[in-house]
Protein backbone atom coordinates (compact mmCIF):
# COMPACT_ATOMS: atom_id res chain seq x y z
CA ARG A 1 8.04 129.27 84.98
CA TYR A 2 5.68 131.43 86.54
CA VAL A 3 6.41 130.80 89.93
CA ALA A 4 10.21 130.62 89.29
CA HIS A 5 9.92 133.94 87.39
CA HIS A 6 8.00 135.59 90.54
CA LEU A 7 9.78 133.92 93.34
CA PRO A 8 13.49 133.22 93.05
CA LEU A 9 15.02 130.69 95.35
CA ASP A 10 16.87 133.34 97.22
CA GLN A 11 13.75 135.30 97.90
CA ARG A 12 10.70 132.71 98.60
CA ASP A 13 10.97 134.20 102.58
CA HIS A 14 10.74 137.78 101.61
CA PRO A 15 7.64 139.99 102.53
CA GLU A 16 6.17 140.12 99.29
CA ALA A 17 6.31 136.33 98.80
CA ALA A 18 2.54 135.61 99.11
CA GLU A 19 1.81 138.67 96.61
CA ARG A 20 3.97 137.48 94.12
CA LEU A 21 2.54 133.94 94.05
CA GLY A 22 -0.77 135.29 93.73
CA ARG A 23 0.65 137.25 90.83
CA ALA A 24 2.05 133.92 89.06
CA VAL A 25 -1.30 132.33 89.56
CA SER A 26 -2.77 134.97 88.11
CA GLU A 27 -0.82 135.48 85.30
CA LEU A 28 -1.06 131.78 84.45
CA SER A 29 -4.95 131.91 84.59
CA ASP A 30 -4.66 134.78 82.27
CA ASP A 31 -2.57 132.80 79.89
CA LEU A 32 -4.77 130.27 79.81
CA HIS A 33 -7.70 132.21 79.17
CA ALA A 34 -6.23 134.13 76.19
CA LYS A 35 -4.55 130.81 74.65
CA SER A 36 -8.60 129.81 75.00
CA GLN A 37 -9.68 132.57 73.03
CA ASP A 38 -6.67 133.03 70.60
CA ASP A 39 -6.61 129.30 69.58
CA ALA A 40 -9.70 127.25 68.55
CA ARG A 41 -8.06 123.68 70.18
CA PHE A 42 -8.15 125.38 73.66
CA ALA A 43 -11.90 126.95 73.32
CA GLY A 44 -13.55 126.43 76.70
CA ALA A 45 -10.44 125.12 78.49
CA ASN A 46 -10.24 125.58 82.03
CA SER A 47 -8.09 124.49 84.54
CA THR A 48 -7.64 124.29 88.62
CA LEU A 49 -4.70 124.40 90.56
CA VAL A 50 -3.42 124.24 94.09
CA THR A 51 0.06 125.23 94.98
CA ALA A 52 1.92 125.48 98.21
CA LEU A 53 5.31 126.89 98.59
CA MET A 54 7.39 126.81 101.77
CA ALA A 55 8.88 130.36 102.57
CA GLY A 56 10.93 130.27 105.88
CA THR A 57 8.51 129.20 108.84
CA ARG A 58 5.57 130.14 106.63
CA LEU A 59 3.66 128.25 104.09
CA LEU A 60 2.50 130.08 101.10
CA VAL A 61 -0.77 128.70 99.59
CA ALA A 62 -2.35 129.56 96.14
CA HIS A 63 -5.16 128.06 94.07
CA LEU A 64 -7.46 128.65 91.32
CA GLY A 65 -10.73 126.91 90.29
CA ASP A 66 -12.25 124.23 92.55
CA SER A 67 -9.53 122.13 93.54
CA ARG A 68 -8.83 122.76 97.58
CA ALA A 69 -6.03 122.90 99.57
CA TYR A 70 -6.59 121.31 103.38
CA LEU A 71 -4.28 121.18 106.28
CA ARG A 72 -4.24 118.14 107.97
CA ARG A 73 -3.23 118.43 111.89
CA ASP A 74 -3.84 115.61 114.84
CA HIS A 75 -5.97 113.72 112.35
CA ASN A 76 -8.33 116.41 111.51
CA LEU A 77 -8.53 118.65 108.16
CA GLN A 78 -9.24 122.29 107.98
CA ARG A 79 -10.10 123.81 104.72
CA LEU A 80 -7.92 126.81 103.68
CA THR A 81 -9.28 127.64 100.44
CA ARG A 82 -12.66 128.64 98.87
CA ASP A 83 -13.64 127.44 95.38
CA HIS A 84 -13.78 130.06 92.70
CA THR A 85 -16.95 128.83 91.40
CA LEU A 86 -20.26 130.21 90.60
CA VAL A 87 -21.75 127.81 93.38
CA GLN A 88 -19.53 129.22 95.77
CA ALA A 89 -20.39 132.64 94.87
CA LEU A 90 -23.96 131.86 95.47
CA VAL A 91 -23.26 130.64 98.71
CA ASP A 92 -21.29 133.83 99.57
CA ALA A 93 -24.53 135.66 98.82
CA HIS A 94 -26.61 133.50 100.35
CA GLN A 95 -28.49 132.48 97.79
CA VAL A 96 -27.94 128.77 98.15
CA ASP A 97 -27.28 126.97 101.55
CA PRO A 98 -23.65 125.30 101.84
CA GLU A 99 -25.43 122.18 102.55
CA ASP A 100 -27.37 122.19 99.01
CA THR A 101 -23.87 123.06 97.00
CA GLY A 102 -23.86 119.24 95.79
CA GLN A 103 -27.09 119.97 93.72
CA HIS A 104 -25.80 122.95 91.58
């Protein structure tokens, strides 16, 4: 419902499509967080998401959490996303070496 609400089929090639897809993912995250606060059955619930959407000649990618999107071209993988995790924040702050992330 989130993506359908923000990106009707006839508007997926619209210049604001990436922003609208981002809003859809953000709303999904906010709703999950609110549900985990309001309903004890969902306490501590987390989720990850990777979604891709063709928009004309563009591929829009949105993600949440530590699920990753990769582009495979000529038998090579290129990582397209960065994790939304504390460890990634520490790497970004140069407090953890990227090669040591598996230990954290």
